[in-house]
Protein backbone atom coordinates (compact mmCIF):
# COMPACT_ATOMS: atom_id res chain seq x y z
CA UNK A 1 -30.02 2.38 -14.74
CA UNK A 2 -30.04 5.60 -12.61
CA UNK A 3 -26.54 6.63 -11.41
CA UNK A 4 -26.26 8.81 -8.33
CA UNK A 5 -24.11 11.85 -8.03
CA UNK A 6 -22.38 10.15 -5.06
CA UNK A 7 -21.31 7.26 -7.24
CA UNK A 8 -20.01 9.66 -9.92
CA UNK A 9 -17.96 11.56 -7.42
CA UNK A 10 -16.49 8.28 -6.06
CA UNK A 11 -15.42 7.16 -9.45
CA UNK A 12 -13.99 10.65 -10.29
CA UNK A 13 -12.02 10.63 -7.01
CA UNK A 14 -10.60 7.25 -7.76
CA UNK A 15 -9.70 7.84 -11.45
CA UNK A 16 -9.41 11.63 -12.08
CA UNK A 17 -11.72 11.31 -15.09
CA UNK A 18 -14.45 13.73 -16.31
CA UNK A 19 -17.96 13.86 -14.84
CA UNK A 20 -19.66 12.57 -18.04
CA UNK A 21 -16.96 9.93 -18.62
CA UNK A 22 -17.63 8.61 -15.22
CA UNK A 23 -21.35 8.75 -15.61
CA UNK A 24 -21.30 6.76 -18.83
CA UNK A 25 -18.71 4.22 -17.33
CA UNK A 26 -21.11 3.62 -14.43
CA UNK A 27 -24.08 3.24 -16.67
CA UNK A 28 -22.33 0.60 -18.88
CA UNK A 29 -21.09 -1.19 -15.71
CA UNK A 30 -24.42 -1.25 -13.93
CA UNK A 31 -23.07 0.91 -11.15
CA UNK A 32 -20.07 -1.36 -10.40
CA UNK A 33 -17.18 0.85 -9.52
CA UNK A 34 -14.39 -1.80 -10.34
CA UNK A 35 -15.95 -2.46 -13.70
CA UNK A 36 -16.38 1.26 -14.42
CA UNK A 37 -12.52 1.81 -13.62
CA UNK A 38 -11.72 -0.95 -16.19
CA UNK A 39 -13.99 0.55 -18.71
CA UNK A 40 -12.39 3.97 -18.41
CA UNK A 41 -8.98 2.32 -18.67
CA UNK A 42 -9.94 0.55 -21.84
CA UNK A 43 -11.02 3.91 -23.36
CA UNK A 44 -7.77 5.49 -22.08
CA UNK A 45 -9.87 7.89 -20.10
CA UNK A 46 -8.69 6.86 -16.76
CA UNK A 47 -6.21 9.57 -15.66
CA UNK A 48 -5.11 7.98 -12.39
CA UNK A 49 -3.09 4.92 -12.02
CA UNK A 50 -2.98 2.40 -9.14
CA UNK A 51 -0.88 4.85 -7.03
CA UNK A 52 -3.97 7.14 -6.62
CA UNK A 53 -6.29 6.05 -3.78
CA UNK A 54 -8.82 7.53 -1.49
CA UNK A 55 -6.68 9.21 1.13
CA UNK A 56 -9.72 10.58 3.01
CA UNK A 57 -8.36 10.11 6.48
CA UNK A 58 -5.69 12.08 8.28
CA UNK A 59 -3.49 10.69 10.89
CA UNK A 60 0.00 9.21 11.53
CA UNK A 61 1.85 5.96 11.42
CA UNK A 62 3.67 4.89 14.61
CA UNK A 63 6.57 2.35 15.01
CA UNK A 64 7.82 0.04 17.78
CA UNK A 65 10.91 -2.04 17.14
CA UNK A 66 13.13 -4.11 19.34
CA UNK A 67 15.71 -6.85 18.46
CA UNK A 68 13.16 -9.36 17.33
CA UNK A 69 9.87 -7.52 16.77
CA UNK A 70 8.48 -4.63 14.60
CA UNK A 71 5.07 -3.16 15.04
CA UNK A 72 3.23 -0.63 12.88
CA UNK A 73 0.11 1.26 14.11
CA UNK A 74 -2.15 3.66 12.26
CA UNK A 75 -3.97 6.21 14.34
CA UNK A 76 -6.41 8.45 12.31
CA UNK A 77 -7.91 11.90 13.02
CA UNK A 78 -10.18 14.16 11.09
CA UNK A 79 -7.54 16.81 10.29
CA UNK A 80 -3.83 17.13 9.82
CA UNK A 81 -3.88 19.91 12.59
CA UNK A 82 -4.79 17.28 15.25
CA UNK A 83 -2.40 14.59 13.64
CA UNK A 84 0.33 17.07 14.21
CA UNK A 85 -0.72 17.79 17.86
CA UNK A 86 1.76 16.62 20.56
CA UNK A 87 -0.88 14.85 22.58
CA UNK A 88 -2.01 12.98 19.52
CA UNK A 89 1.62 11.91 18.78
CA UNK A 90 2.30 10.88 22.35
CA UNK A 91 -1.01 8.87 22.51
CA UNK A 92 -0.06 6.97 19.32
CA UNK A 93 3.44 6.16 20.40
CA UNK A 94 2.26 5.00 23.75
CA UNK A 95 -0.24 2.60 22.07
CA UNK A 96 2.29 1.03 19.80
CA UNK A 97 4.88 0.85 22.54
CA UNK A 98 2.50 -0.94 24.81
CA UNK A 99 1.48 -3.25 22.09
CA UNK A 100 5.06 -4.14 21.35
CA UNK A 101 6.24 -4.52 24.83
CA UNK A 102 3.28 -6.75 25.85
CA UNK A 103 2.96 -8.62 22.51
CA UNK A 104 -0.66 -7.32 22.24
CA UNK A 105 -1.63 -7.36 18.61
CA UNK A 106 -5.51 -7.86 18.68
CA UNK A 107 -6.91 -4.52 17.61
CA UNK A 108 -10.19 -4.83 19.61
CA UNK A 109 -8.15 -5.69 22.73
CA UNK A 110 -5.92 -2.70 22.24
CA UNK A 111 -8.92 -0.36 21.73
CA UNK A 112 -10.64 -1.80 24.84
CA UNK A 113 -7.44 -1.28 26.99
CA UNK A 114 -6.87 2.27 25.88
CA UNK A 115 -10.66 3.18 25.81
CA UNK A 116 -10.53 5.65 28.73
CA UNK A 117 -7.54 7.49 27.49
CA UNK A 118 -9.00 7.45 23.93
CA UNK A 119 -12.17 9.10 25.02
CA UNK A 120 -10.19 11.73 27.03
CA UNK A 121 -8.17 12.68 23.95
CA UNK A 122 -11.29 13.00 21.73
CA UNK A 123 -12.82 15.23 24.31
CA UNK A 124 -9.67 17.40 24.40
CA UNK A 125 -9.05 17.85 20.67
CA UNK A 126 -12.77 17.79 19.73
CA UNK A 127 -12.24 15.43 16.87
CA UNK A 128 -12.89 11.78 16.30
CA UNK A 129 -9.78 9.54 16.64
CA UNK A 130 -9.58 5.98 15.55
CA UNK A 131 -7.10 3.36 16.24
CA UNK A 132 -7.42 1.99 12.71
CA UNK A 133 -5.03 -1.00 12.47
CA UNK A 134 -1.89 -2.68 13.67
CA UNK A 135 0.46 -5.19 12.13
CA UNK A 136 3.73 -6.85 13.37
CA UNK A 137 6.61 -8.92 12.14
CA UNK A 138 9.05 -11.12 14.19
CA UNK A 139 12.35 -12.35 13.35
CA UNK A 140 16.13 -11.93 13.95
CA UNK A 141 16.58 -9.86 10.81
CA UNK A 142 14.14 -6.98 10.86
CA UNK A 143 14.42 -3.33 9.85
CA UNK A 144 11.99 -0.52 9.34
CA UNK A 145 11.45 2.92 7.97
CA UNK A 146 9.08 5.83 8.74
CA UNK A 147 8.57 8.69 6.19
CA UNK A 148 7.24 11.91 7.76
CA UNK A 149 4.87 9.92 9.92
CA UNK A 150 2.66 9.18 6.95
CA UNK A 151 4.25 5.98 5.59
CA UNK A 152 5.58 3.08 7.60
CA UNK A 153 7.40 -0.04 6.48
CA UNK A 154 8.49 -3.18 8.19
CA UNK A 155 10.92 -5.68 6.47
CA UNK A 156 11.88 -9.21 7.51
CA UNK A 157 14.84 -10.77 5.77
CA UNK A 158 17.30 -13.66 5.85
CA UNK A 159 21.09 -13.61 5.54
CA UNK A 160 22.05 -16.08 2.75
CA UNK A 161 25.93 -15.85 3.34
CA UNK A 162 27.84 -14.75 6.32
CA UNK A 163 29.97 -11.93 4.88
CA UNK A 164 31.10 -8.63 6.20
CA UNK A 165 28.67 -6.18 4.65
CA UNK A 166 26.25 -4.37 6.80
CA UNK A 167 23.07 -6.40 6.24
CA UNK A 168 20.85 -4.23 8.45
CA UNK A 169 21.75 -1.27 6.40
CA UNK A 170 20.83 -3.25 3.27
CA UNK A 171 17.46 -4.13 4.75
CA UNK A 172 16.98 -0.41 5.68
CA UNK A 173 17.51 0.47 2.01
CA UNK A 174 14.82 -2.09 1.01
CA UNK A 175 12.44 -0.54 3.61
CA UNK A 176 13.02 2.91 2.04
CA UNK A 177 12.46 1.45 -1.49
CA UNK A 178 9.14 -0.01 -0.38
CA UNK A 179 8.10 3.27 1.18
CA UNK A 180 8.74 4.98 -2.12
CA UNK A 181 7.50 2.37 -4.61
CA UNK A 182 4.80 0.51 -2.62
CA UNK A 183 4.95 -2.96 -3.96
CA UNK A 184 1.64 -4.78 -3.45
CA UNK A 185 3.27 -8.30 -3.40
CA UNK A 186 6.55 -9.88 -2.61
CA UNK A 187 6.67 -12.47 -5.50
CA UNK A 188 4.77 -13.04 -8.60
CA UNK A 189 3.32 -16.16 -7.16
CA UNK A 190 1.66 -14.09 -4.32
CA UNK A 191 -0.60 -12.18 -6.77
CA UNK A 192 -4.18 -13.61 -6.72
CA UNK A 193 -5.23 -15.11 -10.06
CA UNK A 194 -8.37 -12.87 -10.23
CA UNK A 195 -6.12 -9.78 -10.19
CA UNK A 196 -4.05 -11.25 -13.18
CA UNK A 197 -7.18 -12.30 -15.06
CA UNK A 198 -8.63 -8.77 -14.59
CA UNK A 199 -5.54 -7.00 -15.87
CA UNK A 200 -5.22 -9.36 -18.79
CA UNK A 201 -8.77 -8.67 -19.88
CA UNK A 202 -8.21 -4.94 -19.56
CA UNK A 203 -5.01 -5.15 -21.74
CA UNK A 204 -6.81 -7.49 -24.18
CA UNK A 205 -9.52 -4.81 -24.65
CA UNK A 206 -6.99 -2.11 -25.13
CA UNK A 207 -4.93 -4.15 -27.46
CA UNK A 208 -7.99 -5.18 -29.64
CA UNK A 209 -8.38 -1.55 -30.66
CA UNK A 210 -5.14 -1.34 -32.54
CA UNK A 211 -6.36 -3.66 -35.37
CA UNK A 212 -3.40 -5.98 -35.47
CA UNK A 213 -3.58 -9.76 -36.10
CA UNK A 214 -4.14 -12.13 -33.16
CA UNK A 215 -0.43 -13.13 -32.79
CA UNK A 216 0.60 -9.48 -32.41
CA UNK A 217 -2.12 -8.73 -29.95
CA UNK A 218 -1.23 -11.70 -27.81
CA UNK A 219 2.35 -10.69 -27.74
CA UNK A 220 1.38 -7.13 -26.70
CA UNK A 221 -0.98 -8.40 -24.05
CA UNK A 222 1.66 -10.78 -22.55
CA UNK A 223 4.26 -7.87 -22.51
CA UNK A 224 1.96 -5.39 -20.80
CA UNK A 225 0.77 -8.02 -18.17
CA UNK A 226 4.45 -8.82 -17.52
CA UNK A 227 5.18 -5.10 -16.96
CA UNK A 228 2.15 -4.94 -14.61
CA UNK A 229 3.55 -7.83 -12.53
CA UNK A 230 6.96 -6.23 -12.36
CA UNK A 231 5.50 -3.01 -11.21
CA UNK A 232 3.50 -4.58 -8.23
CA UNK A 233 6.07 -7.21 -7.04
CA UNK A 234 8.87 -6.23 -4.88
CA UNK A 235 11.67 -8.38 -6.21
CA UNK A 236 10.95 -7.30 -9.79
CA UNK A 237 10.74 -3.52 -9.20
CA UNK A 238 13.57 -1.23 -10.38
CA UNK A 239 15.59 -0.48 -7.25
CA UNK A 240 14.86 3.12 -6.23
CA UNK A 241 18.51 3.72 -5.41
CA UNK A 242 19.87 2.37 -8.65
CA UNK A 243 17.20 2.12 -11.24
CA UNK A 244 19.64 0.25 -13.57
CA UNK A 245 19.08 -2.90 -11.46
CA UNK A 246 16.05 -4.71 -9.80
CA UNK A 247 15.46 -5.28 -6.11
CA UNK A 248 16.23 -8.92 -6.72
CA UNK A 249 19.71 -7.89 -8.27
CA UNK A 250 20.41 -5.83 -5.19
CA UNK A 251 19.42 -8.58 -2.86
CA UNK A 252 21.62 -11.18 -4.59
CA UNK A 253 24.55 -8.91 -4.56
CA UNK A 254 24.19 -8.51 -0.79
CA UNK A 255 23.41 -12.14 -0.10
CA UNK A 256 20.06 -11.26 1.47
CA UNK A 257 16.53 -12.50 0.83
CA UNK A 258 13.30 -10.83 1.86
CA UNK A 259 10.73 -13.00 3.71
CA UNK A 260 7.88 -10.58 4.29
CA UNK A 261 7.12 -6.91 4.55
CA UNK A 262 4.37 -4.51 5.76
CA UNK A 263 3.56 -1.28 4.16
CA UNK A 264 1.21 1.21 5.99
CA UNK A 265 0.08 4.64 4.40
CA UNK A 266 -2.17 6.91 6.26
CA UNK A 267 -5.72 6.68 4.91
CA UNK A 268 -4.99 4.14 2.29
CA UNK A 269 -7.87 1.84 1.07
CA UNK A 270 -7.22 -1.80 1.97
């Protein structure tokens, strides 16, 4: 089938692979981007890993937090120049503060309420500005972390034992870990089966190339899939502040459990 230059550029941006490699992968995958990524991974030609995504949008992440509520909001702009503009920052903070104070979390309702101010700001900075998304967590044990306005994290936890340690500081460390390591899921049970099936098939295709017997290949695939699971689930990740232990080890030591988290990165594909 005919493959467009646009498709090739999209695959190159996603994988970091060469022009011809991307073209062949798309031809063999009938133009399907996901299947082409898997094909490149099988060949070992996929330079990028899952941490590389289409960060095509500029903007900032804004945070509201009170005793029992945390809110993250992403506001996008066309350039970092506008994202660093004081009026842009004030508008974003005003929106998230209003949402948190008034418990308004429906994105369209927020856009409608701020429509006039939104249009005024667009006219002033001469760039399109989008209130892209908003998410919140509620609970008695919350913490958050913002990294340079580009990454925002909310974490909701539960204290398992009433001890003297600073539990909120413990939760802050988990929020910082999430900002750095970007887990996709909290527990292994949260991973959709189709994602596991896809990764298993990719690893099976890679392992088949080494020419070992089926028992060895099965063991290799199982080990690689387990590593994949550990990399994308929060509790199984190596703790960023002490890589000798896992996040789960850290939580147990501090008698804390994590119930939920929210991760925002400017421009990420979701």
